[in-house]
Structure formats: structure tokens, C-alpha cells
PDB file of N, CA and C in Angstrom:
ATOM      1  N   MET A   1      87.534  97.035  98.469  1.00  0.00           N
ATOM      2  CA  MET A   1      87.853  95.657  98.705  1.00  0.00           C
ATOM      3  C   MET A   1      89.369  95.534  98.862  1.00  0.00           C
ATOM      4  N   GLU A   2      89.777  94.789  99.853  1.00  0.00           N
ATOM      5  CA  GLU A   2      91.203  94.550 100.066  1.00  0.00           C
ATOM      6  C   GLU A   2      91.533  93.105  99.775  1.00  0.00           C
ATOM      7  N   THR A   3      92.652  92.911  99.120  1.00  0.00           N
ATOM      8  CA  THR A   3      93.150  91.580  98.809  1.00  0.00           C
ATOM      9  C   THR A   3      94.597  91.513  99.263  1.00  0.00           C
ATOM     10  N   THR A   4      94.925  90.471  99.979  1.00  0.00           N
ATOM     11  CA  THR A   4      96.300  90.297 100.427  1.00  0.00           C
ATOM     12  C   THR A   4      97.078  89.530  99.372  1.00  0.00           C
ATOM     13  N   ILE A   5      98.212  90.114  98.966  1.00  0.00           N
ATOM     14  CA  ILE A   5      99.088  89.452  97.996  1.00  0.00           C
ATOM     15  C   ILE A   5     100.519  89.527  98.510  1.00  0.00           C
ATOM     16  N   ASN A   6     101.342  88.631  98.032  1.00  0.00           N
ATOM     17  CA  ASN A   6     102.767  88.652  98.348  1.00  0.00           C
ATOM     18  C   ASN A   6     103.537  89.025  97.096  1.00  0.00           C
ATOM     19  N   VAL A   7     104.336  90.067  97.209  1.00  0.00           N
ATOM     20  CA  VAL A   7     105.124  90.555  96.084  1.00  0.00           C
ATOM     21  C   VAL A   7     106.568  90.689  96.550  1.00  0.00           C
ATOM     22  N   THR A   8     107.487  90.205  95.748  1.00  0.00           N
ATOM     23  CA  THR A   8     108.899  90.358  96.059  1.00  0.00           C
ATOM     24  C   THR A   8     109.416  91.595  95.329  1.00  0.00           C
ATOM     25  N   LEU A   9     109.804  92.585  96.103  1.00  0.00           N
ATOM     26  CA  LEU A   9     110.292  93.834  95.530  1.00  0.00           C
ATOM     27  C   LEU A   9     111.811  93.870  95.597  1.00  0.00           C
ATOM     28  N   PRO A  10     112.451  94.475  94.604  1.00  0.00           N
ATOM     29  CA  PRO A  10     113.911  94.541  94.599  1.00  0.00           C
ATOM     30  C   PRO A  10     114.436  95.439  95.729  1.00  0.00           C
ATOM     31  N   GLU A  11     115.644  95.146  96.146  1.00  0.00           N
ATOM     32  CA  GLU A  11     116.261  95.887  97.247  1.00  0.00           C
ATOM     33  C   GLU A  11     116.372  97.379  96.933  1.00  0.00           C
ATOM     34  N   ASP A  12     116.694  97.718  95.678  1.00  0.00           N
ATOM     35  CA  ASP A  12     116.836  99.135  95.339  1.00  0.00           C
ATOM     36  C   ASP A  12     115.521  99.894  95.460  1.00  0.00           C
ATOM     37  N   PHE A  13     114.399  99.200  95.251  1.00  0.00           N
ATOM     38  CA  PHE A  13     113.088  99.820  95.440  1.00  0.00           C
ATOM     39  C   PHE A  13     112.890 100.177  96.913  1.00  0.00           C
ATOM     40  N   TYR A  14     113.250  99.250  97.800  1.00  0.00           N
ATOM     41  CA  TYR A  14     113.154  99.509  99.232  1.00  0.00           C
ATOM     42  C   TYR A  14     114.077 100.656  99.653  1.00  0.00           C
ATOM     43  N   ILE A  15     115.274 100.695  99.099  1.00  0.00           N
ATOM     44  CA  ILE A  15     116.219 101.770  99.422  1.00  0.00           C
ATOM     45  C   ILE A  15     115.649 103.111  98.992  1.00  0.00           C
ATOM     46  N   LEU A  16     115.114 103.169  97.778  1.00  0.00           N
ATOM     47  CA  LEU A  16     114.509 104.402  97.279  1.00  0.00           C
ATOM     48  C   LEU A  16     113.367 104.855  98.184  1.00  0.00           C
ATOM     49  N   CYS A  17     112.508 103.932  98.561  1.00  0.00           N
ATOM     50  CA  CYS A  17     111.394 104.261  99.454  1.00  0.00           C
ATOM     51  C   CYS A  17     111.909 104.755 100.805  1.00  0.00           C
ATOM     52  N   SER A  18     112.970 104.134 101.293  1.00  0.00           N
ATOM     53  CA  SER A  18     113.562 104.539 102.562  1.00  0.00           C
ATOM     54  C   SER A  18     114.128 105.955 102.487  1.00  0.00           C
ATOM     55  N   ILE A  19     114.821 106.264 101.396  1.00  0.00           N
ATOM     56  CA  ILE A  19     115.397 107.596 101.219  1.00  0.00           C
ATOM     57  C   ILE A  19     114.313 108.660 101.256  1.00  0.00           C
ATOM     58  N   TYR A  20     113.199 108.398 100.564  1.00  0.00           N
ATOM     59  CA  TYR A  20     112.115 109.380 100.479  1.00  0.00           C
ATOM     60  C   TYR A  20     111.048 109.177 101.556  1.00  0.00           C
ATOM     61  N   GLN A  21     111.296 108.245 102.464  1.00  0.00           N
ATOM     62  CA  GLN A  21     110.388 107.954 103.579  1.00  0.00           C
ATOM     63  C   GLN A  21     108.966 107.678 103.083  1.00  0.00           C
ATOM     64  N   ILE A  22     108.897 106.774 102.121  1.00  0.00           N
ATOM     65  CA  ILE A  22     107.620 106.366 101.530  1.00  0.00           C
ATOM     66  C   ILE A  22     107.413 104.892 101.839  1.00  0.00           C
ATOM     67  N   LYS A  23     106.211 104.543 102.253  1.00  0.00           N
ATOM     68  CA  LYS A  23     105.890 103.139 102.456  1.00  0.00           C
ATOM     69  C   LYS A  23     105.683 102.500 101.078  1.00  0.00           C
ATOM     70  N   PRO A  24     106.380 101.392 100.795  1.00  0.00           N
ATOM     71  CA  PRO A  24     106.256 100.768  99.475  1.00  0.00           C
ATOM     72  C   PRO A  24     104.812 100.456  99.091  1.00  0.00           C
ATOM     73  N   GLU A  25     104.020  99.989 100.033  1.00  0.00           N
ATOM     74  CA  GLU A  25     102.635  99.641  99.714  1.00  0.00           C
ATOM     75  C   GLU A  25     101.810 100.867  99.329  1.00  0.00           C
ATOM     76  N   VAL A  26     102.149 102.023  99.886  1.00  0.00           N
ATOM     77  CA  VAL A  26     101.437 103.263  99.539  1.00  0.00           C
ATOM     78  C   VAL A  26     101.800 103.680  98.115  1.00  0.00           C
ATOM     79  N   LEU A  27     103.082 103.611  97.780  1.00  0.00           N
ATOM     80  CA  LEU A  27     103.524 103.970  96.431  1.00  0.00           C
ATOM     81  C   LEU A  27     102.897 103.060  95.375  1.00  0.00           C
ATOM     82  N   ILE A  28     102.901 101.773  95.647  1.00  0.00           N
ATOM     83  CA  ILE A  28     102.312 100.815  94.710  1.00  0.00           C
ATOM     84  C   ILE A  28     100.813 101.050  94.575  1.00  0.00           C
ATOM     85  N   GLN A  29     100.131 101.317  95.684  1.00  0.00           N
ATOM     86  CA  GLN A  29      98.689 101.576  95.637  1.00  0.00           C
ATOM     87  C   GLN A  29      98.389 102.824  94.820  1.00  0.00           C
ATOM     88  N   GLN A  30      99.192 103.870  94.965  1.00  0.00           N
ATOM     89  CA  GLN A  30      98.974 105.093  94.188  1.00  0.00           C
ATOM     90  C   GLN A  30      99.143 104.830  92.695  1.00  0.00           C
ATOM     91  N   PHE A  31     100.110 104.004  92.333  1.00  0.00           N
ATOM     92  CA  PHE A  31     100.283 103.640  90.932  1.00  0.00           C
ATOM     93  C   PHE A  31      99.070 102.863  90.429  1.00  0.00           C
ATOM     94  N   ILE A  32      98.646 101.885  91.200  1.00  0.00           N
ATOM     95  CA  ILE A  32      97.495 101.059  90.800  1.00  0.00           C
ATOM     96  C   ILE A  32      96.251 101.917  90.627  1.00  0.00           C
ATOM     97  N   ASN A  33      96.088 102.912  91.476  1.00  0.00           N
ATOM     98  CA  ASN A  33      94.927 103.795  91.377  1.00  0.00           C
ATOM     99  C   ASN A  33      94.908 104.587  90.073  1.00  0.00           C
ATOM    100  N   GLN A  34      96.077 104.737  89.426  1.00  0.00           N
ATOM    101  CA  GLN A  34      96.167 105.493  88.180  1.00  0.00           C
ATOM    102  C   GLN A  34      95.943 104.634  86.936  1.00  0.00           C
ATOM    103  N   VAL A  35      95.956 103.315  87.099  1.00  0.00           N
ATOM    104  CA  VAL A  35      95.763 102.413  85.968  1.00  0.00           C
ATOM    105  C   VAL A  35      94.273 102.334  85.646  1.00  0.00           C
ATOM    106  N   SER A  36      93.934 102.550  84.395  1.00  0.00           N
ATOM    107  CA  SER A  36      92.532 102.514  83.972  1.00  0.00           C
ATOM    108  C   SER A  36      92.334 101.401  82.951  1.00  0.00           C
ATOM    109  N   PHE A  37      91.698 100.327  83.374  1.00  0.00           N
ATOM    110  CA  PHE A  37      91.427  99.237  82.436  1.00  0.00           C
ATOM    111  C   PHE A  37      90.459  99.655  81.329  1.00  0.00           C
ATOM    112  N   PRO A  38      89.425 100.449  81.629  1.00  0.00           N
ATOM    113  CA  PRO A  38      88.555 100.889  80.522  1.00  0.00           C
ATOM    114  C   PRO A  38      89.318 101.673  79.448  1.00  0.00           C
ATOM    115  N   SER A  39      90.244 102.529  79.864  1.00  0.00           N
ATOM    116  CA  SER A  39      91.035 103.275  78.877  1.00  0.00           C
ATOM    117  C   SER A  39      91.912 102.340  78.062  1.00  0.00           C
ATOM    118  N   TYR A  40      92.504 101.371  78.720  1.00  0.00           N
ATOM    119  CA  TYR A  40      93.371 100.424  78.015  1.00  0.00           C
ATOM    120  C   TYR A  40      92.587  99.606  77.002  1.00  0.00           C
ATOM    121  N   PHE A  41      91.472  99.052  77.424  1.00  0.00           N
ATOM    122  CA  PHE A  41      90.725  98.176  76.530  1.00  0.00           C
ATOM    123  C   PHE A  41      89.982  98.930  75.438  1.00  0.00           C
ATOM    124  N   SER A  42      89.669 100.192  75.643  1.00  0.00           N
ATOM    125  CA  SER A  42      88.966 100.946  74.609  1.00  0.00           C
ATOM    126  C   SER A  42      89.931 101.611  73.624  1.00  0.00           C
ATOM    127  N   ASN A  43      91.211 101.778  74.029  1.00  0.00           N
ATOM    128  CA  ASN A  43      92.182 102.443  73.163  1.00  0.00           C
ATOM    129  C   ASN A  43      93.590 101.970  73.527  1.00  0.00           C
ATOM    130  N   PRO A  44      93.932 100.707  73.265  1.00  0.00           N
ATOM    131  CA  PRO A  44      95.211 100.158  73.719  1.00  0.00           C
ATOM    132  C   PRO A  44      96.448 100.786  73.094  1.00  0.00           C
ATOM    133  N   THR A  45      96.314 101.496  71.995  1.00  0.00           N
ATOM    134  CA  THR A  45      97.484 102.120  71.376  1.00  0.00           C
ATOM    135  C   THR A  45      97.539 103.621  71.623  1.00  0.00           C
ATOM    136  N   GLY A  46      96.569 104.165  72.337  1.00  0.00           N
ATOM    137  CA  GLY A  46      96.525 105.601  72.583  1.00  0.00           C
ATOM    138  C   GLY A  46      97.385 106.026  73.760  1.00  0.00           C
ATOM    139  N   SER A  47      97.369 107.312  74.042  1.00  0.00           N
ATOM    140  CA  SER A  47      98.201 107.853  75.118  1.00  0.00           C
ATOM    141  C   SER A  47      97.668 107.494  76.502  1.00  0.00           C
ATOM    142  N   ASP A  48      96.433 107.015  76.599  1.00  0.00           N
ATOM    143  CA  ASP A  48      95.859 106.631  77.890  1.00  0.00           C
ATOM    144  C   ASP A  48      95.898 105.126  78.098  1.00  0.00           C
ATOM    145  N   CYS A  49      96.786 104.431  77.376  1.00  0.00           N
ATOM    146  CA  CYS A  49      96.832 102.978  77.489  1.00  0.00           C
ATOM    147  C   CYS A  49      97.525 102.543  78.780  1.00  0.00           C
ATOM    148  N   TRP A  50      97.617 101.269  78.962  1.00  0.00           N
ATOM    149  CA  TRP A  50      98.163 100.657  80.170  1.00  0.00           C
ATOM    150  C   TRP A  50      99.447 101.329  80.649  1.00  0.00           C
ATOM    151  N   ALA A  51      99.490 101.630  81.909  1.00  0.00           N
ATOM    152  CA  ALA A  51     100.665 102.172  82.601  1.00  0.00           C
ATOM    153  C   ALA A  51     101.117 103.517  82.045  1.00  0.00           C
ATOM    154  N   THR A  52     100.243 104.208  81.356  1.00  0.00           N
ATOM    155  CA  THR A  52     100.551 105.549  80.882  1.00  0.00           C
ATOM    156  C   THR A  52      99.661 106.523  81.639  1.00  0.00           C
ATOM    157  N   PRO A  53     100.165 107.147  82.700  1.00  0.00           N
ATOM    158  CA  PRO A  53      99.323 108.047  83.475  1.00  0.00           C
ATOM    159  C   PRO A  53      98.955 109.279  82.644  1.00  0.00           C
ATOM    160  N   SER A  54      97.783 109.789  82.924  1.00  0.00           N
ATOM    161  CA  SER A  54      97.373 111.008  82.225  1.00  0.00           C
ATOM    162  C   SER A  54      98.211 112.170  82.714  1.00  0.00           C
ATOM    163  N   ALA A  55      98.326 113.195  81.910  1.00  0.00           N
ATOM    164  CA  ALA A  55      99.143 114.369  82.264  1.00  0.00           C
ATOM    165  C   ALA A  55      98.642 115.012  83.541  1.00  0.00           C
ATOM    166  N   SER A  56      97.338 114.986  83.777  1.00  0.00           N
ATOM    167  CA  SER A  56      96.786 115.616  84.967  1.00  0.00           C
ATOM    168  C   SER A  56      97.125 114.844  86.229  1.00  0.00           C
ATOM    169  N   SER A  57      97.461 113.551  86.105  1.00  0.00           N
ATOM    170  CA  SER A  57      97.779 112.773  87.299  1.00  0.00           C
ATOM    171  C   SER A  57      99.246 112.883  87.687  1.00  0.00           C
ATOM    172  N   ILE A  58     100.062 113.483  86.830  1.00  0.00           N
ATOM    173  CA  ILE A  58     101.480 113.646  87.125  1.00  0.00           C
ATOM    174  C   ILE A  58     101.674 115.038  87.707  1.00  0.00           C
ATOM    175  N   SER A  59     101.966 115.073  88.963  1.00  0.00           N
ATOM    176  CA  SER A  59     102.192 116.377  89.592  1.00  0.00           C
ATOM    177  C   SER A  59     103.113 116.260  90.777  1.00  0.00           C
TER     178      SER A  59
END
């Protein structure tokens, strides 16, 4: 499912993406794909909580 949203990103984020030739929407989507709501809600204080990627996803 796709949802259109408007997000204001800081200029330095755009510069960083430009340096590494990364589309901002791709980078944000990859981050979102790593967020696990079931992990957060089942163990909010553990190492798999919100915005904490698993070790296997960092490469």
C-alpha cells in the first residue's frame, strides 16, 4: 500500500543524500522497513525497541 505524505527534510539531509547519490525517499523507506511495531509493543525497553535496528539489519 502506498500513501502520499509531505515531509519537510532539513537541507543537510538533502546534501548528505546528494553526496552519496541516494534518493531521500529510498533512504527513508529503508529505515521504515526496519521498524518493527510488534517488537516495540511486546518489549519496549529491550534492544529491539523502536528505532533500534537489529544487528543483522546493519550491514
